[in-house]
């Protein structure tokens, strides 16, 4: 179950937009680490779940982001949303 408030907001928004869809939503974040860590663990922590959409919000160098995006495109068909700042969701 997602723990960060913005993750819950996104889950609520997606579920309200697609009420008939079964949307398992997981926050696979590891707090306290920048992009240098998840680039090493995503093949074990994310890709085995075969997600349809990956929302990537992290801090770190652009070249590491590119490595993550390339790996996702290489090993999955998931869509990718790069979230550079915490989202501001419109009221429903």
N, C-alpha and C. Protein backbone atom coordinates (compact mmCIF):
# COMPACT_ATOMS: atom_id res chain seq x y z
N UNK A 1 0.85 -1.18 0.00
CA UNK A 1 0.00 0.00 0.00
C UNK A 1 0.89 1.24 0.00
N UNK A 2 0.59 2.20 -0.85
CA UNK A 2 1.39 3.42 -0.91
C UNK A 2 1.37 4.18 0.41
N UNK A 3 2.49 4.81 0.75
CA UNK A 3 2.58 5.52 2.02
C UNK A 3 2.67 7.03 1.85
N UNK A 4 3.32 7.51 0.80
CA UNK A 4 3.44 8.95 0.61
C UNK A 4 2.09 9.52 0.18
N UNK A 5 1.78 10.73 0.67
CA UNK A 5 0.51 11.35 0.37
C UNK A 5 0.26 11.53 -1.12
N UNK A 6 1.28 11.95 -1.87
CA UNK A 6 1.06 12.17 -3.30
C UNK A 6 0.80 10.87 -4.03
N UNK A 7 1.34 9.76 -3.54
CA UNK A 7 1.06 8.46 -4.16
C UNK A 7 -0.40 8.10 -3.94
N UNK A 8 -0.90 8.34 -2.75
CA UNK A 8 -2.32 8.08 -2.48
C UNK A 8 -3.21 8.97 -3.35
N UNK A 9 -2.81 10.23 -3.54
CA UNK A 9 -3.58 11.14 -4.39
C UNK A 9 -3.63 10.63 -5.83
N UNK A 10 -2.51 10.16 -6.35
CA UNK A 10 -2.48 9.64 -7.72
C UNK A 10 -3.34 8.38 -7.82
N UNK A 11 -3.24 7.49 -6.84
CA UNK A 11 -4.05 6.27 -6.85
C UNK A 11 -5.53 6.61 -6.84
N UNK A 12 -5.93 7.55 -6.01
CA UNK A 12 -7.33 7.97 -5.93
C UNK A 12 -7.80 8.55 -7.26
N UNK A 13 -6.97 9.40 -7.85
CA UNK A 13 -7.30 10.01 -9.13
C UNK A 13 -7.45 8.96 -10.23
N UNK A 14 -6.50 8.05 -10.33
CA UNK A 14 -6.57 7.01 -11.36
C UNK A 14 -7.79 6.12 -11.17
N UNK A 15 -8.07 5.77 -9.93
CA UNK A 15 -9.23 4.90 -9.68
C UNK A 15 -10.55 5.62 -9.94
N UNK A 16 -10.59 6.93 -9.71
CA UNK A 16 -11.83 7.65 -9.99
C UNK A 16 -12.02 7.86 -11.49
N UNK A 17 -10.93 7.96 -12.23
CA UNK A 17 -11.02 8.10 -13.69
C UNK A 17 -11.36 6.79 -14.37
N UNK A 18 -11.00 5.68 -13.75
CA UNK A 18 -11.19 4.35 -14.34
C UNK A 18 -11.84 3.43 -13.32
N UNK A 19 -13.10 3.70 -12.93
CA UNK A 19 -13.71 2.95 -11.83
C UNK A 19 -13.91 1.46 -12.12
N UNK A 20 -13.98 1.06 -13.38
CA UNK A 20 -14.18 -0.35 -13.70
C UNK A 20 -12.87 -1.14 -13.79
N UNK A 21 -11.75 -0.44 -13.77
CA UNK A 21 -10.46 -1.10 -13.92
C UNK A 21 -9.95 -1.63 -12.59
N UNK A 22 -9.28 -2.76 -12.64
CA UNK A 22 -8.60 -3.31 -11.48
C UNK A 22 -7.20 -2.72 -11.50
N UNK A 23 -6.94 -1.78 -10.61
CA UNK A 23 -5.68 -1.05 -10.63
C UNK A 23 -4.86 -1.34 -9.37
N UNK A 24 -4.08 -2.41 -9.38
CA UNK A 24 -3.17 -2.59 -8.25
C UNK A 24 -2.06 -1.55 -8.35
N UNK A 25 -1.91 -0.76 -7.32
CA UNK A 25 -0.93 0.33 -7.33
C UNK A 25 0.01 0.10 -6.17
N UNK A 26 1.30 0.08 -6.47
CA UNK A 26 2.32 -0.12 -5.45
C UNK A 26 3.35 0.99 -5.52
N UNK A 27 3.78 1.42 -4.38
CA UNK A 27 4.89 2.35 -4.31
C UNK A 27 6.12 1.52 -3.95
N UNK A 28 7.00 1.34 -4.92
CA UNK A 28 8.18 0.51 -4.72
C UNK A 28 9.40 1.34 -4.34
N UNK A 29 9.17 2.56 -3.89
CA UNK A 29 10.27 3.46 -3.53
C UNK A 29 11.05 2.94 -2.34
N UNK A 30 12.31 3.28 -2.34
CA UNK A 30 13.18 2.99 -1.20
C UNK A 30 13.65 4.35 -0.70
N UNK A 31 13.08 4.81 0.40
CA UNK A 31 13.35 6.14 0.90
C UNK A 31 14.82 6.40 1.20
N UNK A 32 15.25 7.61 0.89
CA UNK A 32 16.59 8.03 1.22
C UNK A 32 17.64 7.77 0.16
N UNK A 33 17.23 7.22 -0.97
CA UNK A 33 18.19 6.91 -2.03
C UNK A 33 17.88 7.72 -3.28
N UNK A 34 18.92 8.21 -3.93
CA UNK A 34 18.73 8.89 -5.21
C UNK A 34 18.80 7.86 -6.33
N UNK A 35 18.76 8.31 -7.58
CA UNK A 35 18.67 7.41 -8.72
C UNK A 35 19.81 6.41 -8.82
N UNK A 36 20.93 6.66 -8.20
CA UNK A 36 22.04 5.73 -8.29
C UNK A 36 21.70 4.37 -7.70
N UNK A 37 20.80 4.32 -6.72
CA UNK A 37 20.44 3.03 -6.11
C UNK A 37 19.40 2.26 -6.93
N UNK A 38 18.24 2.87 -7.30
CA UNK A 38 17.24 2.10 -8.02
C UNK A 38 17.69 1.61 -9.40
N UNK A 39 18.64 2.26 -10.00
CA UNK A 39 19.12 1.78 -11.30
C UNK A 39 19.72 0.38 -11.13
N UNK A 40 20.21 0.07 -9.94
CA UNK A 40 20.80 -1.25 -9.68
C UNK A 40 19.78 -2.29 -9.23
N UNK A 41 18.64 -1.86 -8.69
CA UNK A 41 17.69 -2.81 -8.10
C UNK A 41 16.39 -2.97 -8.87
N UNK A 42 16.16 -2.12 -9.88
CA UNK A 42 14.84 -2.13 -10.53
C UNK A 42 14.51 -3.45 -11.23
N UNK A 43 15.52 -4.14 -11.74
CA UNK A 43 15.23 -5.41 -12.41
C UNK A 43 14.63 -6.42 -11.43
N UNK A 44 14.99 -6.36 -10.18
CA UNK A 44 14.43 -7.26 -9.17
C UNK A 44 13.22 -6.66 -8.46
N UNK A 45 13.22 -5.33 -8.26
CA UNK A 45 12.18 -4.69 -7.46
C UNK A 45 10.95 -4.26 -8.25
N UNK A 46 11.08 -4.03 -9.55
CA UNK A 46 9.98 -3.46 -10.33
C UNK A 46 9.55 -4.36 -11.49
N UNK A 47 10.48 -4.71 -12.34
CA UNK A 47 10.14 -5.39 -13.59
C UNK A 47 9.43 -6.74 -13.43
N UNK A 48 9.69 -7.55 -12.41
CA UNK A 48 8.96 -8.82 -12.28
C UNK A 48 7.45 -8.67 -12.10
N UNK A 49 7.00 -7.47 -11.74
CA UNK A 49 5.57 -7.24 -11.54
C UNK A 49 4.85 -6.92 -12.85
N UNK A 50 5.59 -6.76 -13.93
CA UNK A 50 5.04 -6.47 -15.25
C UNK A 50 4.05 -5.29 -15.21
N UNK A 51 4.51 -4.14 -14.71
CA UNK A 51 3.60 -3.00 -14.61
C UNK A 51 3.23 -2.45 -15.98
N UNK A 52 2.04 -1.85 -16.04
CA UNK A 52 1.60 -1.17 -17.26
C UNK A 52 2.12 0.26 -17.28
N UNK A 53 2.30 0.84 -16.11
CA UNK A 53 2.76 2.22 -16.00
C UNK A 53 3.73 2.32 -14.83
N UNK A 54 4.84 2.99 -15.06
CA UNK A 54 5.80 3.28 -14.01
C UNK A 54 5.89 4.80 -13.89
N UNK A 55 5.62 5.29 -12.69
CA UNK A 55 5.78 6.72 -12.42
C UNK A 55 7.09 6.85 -11.66
N UNK A 56 8.04 7.48 -12.28
CA UNK A 56 9.38 7.59 -11.71
C UNK A 56 9.57 9.00 -11.15
N UNK A 57 9.75 9.06 -9.84
CA UNK A 57 10.02 10.33 -9.18
C UNK A 57 11.23 10.11 -8.28
N UNK A 58 12.32 10.70 -8.63
CA UNK A 58 13.55 10.51 -7.88
C UNK A 58 14.44 11.71 -8.12
N UNK A 59 15.50 11.79 -7.37
CA UNK A 59 16.47 12.86 -7.53
C UNK A 59 17.80 12.23 -7.93
N UNK A 60 18.46 12.84 -8.87
CA UNK A 60 19.75 12.33 -9.29
C UNK A 60 20.11 12.81 -10.68
N UNK A 61 21.26 12.39 -11.16
CA UNK A 61 21.76 12.84 -12.47
C UNK A 61 20.90 12.35 -13.63
N UNK A 62 20.79 13.17 -14.66
CA UNK A 62 19.98 12.84 -15.83
C UNK A 62 20.48 11.58 -16.52
N UNK A 63 21.77 11.32 -16.52
CA UNK A 63 22.27 10.12 -17.20
C UNK A 63 21.81 8.85 -16.51
N UNK A 64 21.61 8.91 -15.19
CA UNK A 64 21.10 7.74 -14.48
C UNK A 64 19.62 7.55 -14.79
N UNK A 65 18.86 8.64 -14.86
CA UNK A 65 17.47 8.55 -15.30
C UNK A 65 17.41 7.86 -16.66
N UNK A 66 18.30 8.25 -17.56
CA UNK A 66 18.31 7.67 -18.90
C UNK A 66 18.59 6.17 -18.84
N UNK A 67 19.48 5.74 -17.96
CA UNK A 67 19.75 4.32 -17.79
C UNK A 67 18.50 3.57 -17.32
N UNK A 68 17.76 4.17 -16.40
CA UNK A 68 16.54 3.55 -15.89
C UNK A 68 15.51 3.44 -17.01
N UNK A 69 15.29 4.53 -17.74
CA UNK A 69 14.32 4.54 -18.83
C UNK A 69 14.70 3.52 -19.90
N UNK A 70 15.97 3.47 -20.26
CA UNK A 70 16.44 2.51 -21.26
C UNK A 70 16.21 1.08 -20.78
N UNK A 71 16.49 0.81 -19.53
CA UNK A 71 16.27 -0.53 -18.99
C UNK A 71 14.79 -0.90 -19.00
N UNK A 72 13.93 0.04 -18.61
CA UNK A 72 12.48 -0.23 -18.64
C UNK A 72 12.05 -0.54 -20.06
N UNK A 73 12.50 0.26 -21.03
CA UNK A 73 12.13 0.02 -22.43
C UNK A 73 12.69 -1.30 -22.95
N UNK A 74 13.83 -1.71 -22.46
CA UNK A 74 14.46 -2.95 -22.92
C UNK A 74 13.75 -4.18 -22.38
N UNK A 75 13.33 -4.13 -21.12
CA UNK A 75 12.81 -5.32 -20.46
C UNK A 75 11.31 -5.31 -20.18
N UNK A 76 10.60 -4.26 -20.59
CA UNK A 76 9.17 -4.24 -20.32
C UNK A 76 8.44 -3.39 -21.37
N UNK A 77 7.14 -3.49 -21.34
CA UNK A 77 6.30 -2.66 -22.22
C UNK A 77 5.61 -1.56 -21.43
N UNK A 78 6.05 -1.33 -20.20
CA UNK A 78 5.41 -0.34 -19.34
C UNK A 78 5.56 1.07 -19.91
N UNK A 79 4.50 1.85 -19.75
CA UNK A 79 4.60 3.28 -20.01
C UNK A 79 5.37 3.92 -18.88
N UNK A 80 6.00 5.04 -19.15
CA UNK A 80 6.81 5.72 -18.14
C UNK A 80 6.36 7.17 -18.02
N UNK A 81 6.11 7.59 -16.80
CA UNK A 81 5.83 8.98 -16.51
C UNK A 81 6.95 9.47 -15.61
N UNK A 82 7.73 10.42 -16.08
CA UNK A 82 8.81 10.99 -15.28
C UNK A 82 8.24 12.18 -14.52
N UNK A 83 8.24 12.08 -13.21
CA UNK A 83 7.69 13.12 -12.35
C UNK A 83 8.84 13.88 -11.73
N UNK A 84 9.08 15.10 -12.19
CA UNK A 84 10.23 15.86 -11.72
C UNK A 84 9.95 16.57 -10.39
N UNK A 85 8.71 16.93 -10.13
CA UNK A 85 8.31 17.58 -8.89
C UNK A 85 7.10 16.84 -8.35
N UNK A 86 6.79 17.06 -7.08
CA UNK A 86 5.58 16.45 -6.55
C UNK A 86 4.39 16.98 -7.31
N UNK A 87 3.49 16.09 -7.71
CA UNK A 87 2.35 16.51 -8.54
C UNK A 87 1.36 17.35 -7.76
N UNK A 88 0.75 18.25 -8.48
CA UNK A 88 -0.34 19.05 -7.94
C UNK A 88 -1.60 18.60 -8.68
N UNK A 89 -2.42 17.82 -8.00
CA UNK A 89 -3.60 17.27 -8.65
C UNK A 89 -4.77 18.25 -8.52
N UNK A 90 -5.51 18.35 -9.60
CA UNK A 90 -6.71 19.19 -9.57
C UNK A 90 -7.77 18.52 -8.69
N UNK A 91 -8.58 19.33 -8.07
CA UNK A 91 -9.67 18.80 -7.25
C UNK A 91 -10.67 18.08 -8.14
N UNK A 92 -11.22 17.01 -7.63
CA UNK A 92 -12.18 16.22 -8.40
C UNK A 92 -13.58 16.76 -8.19
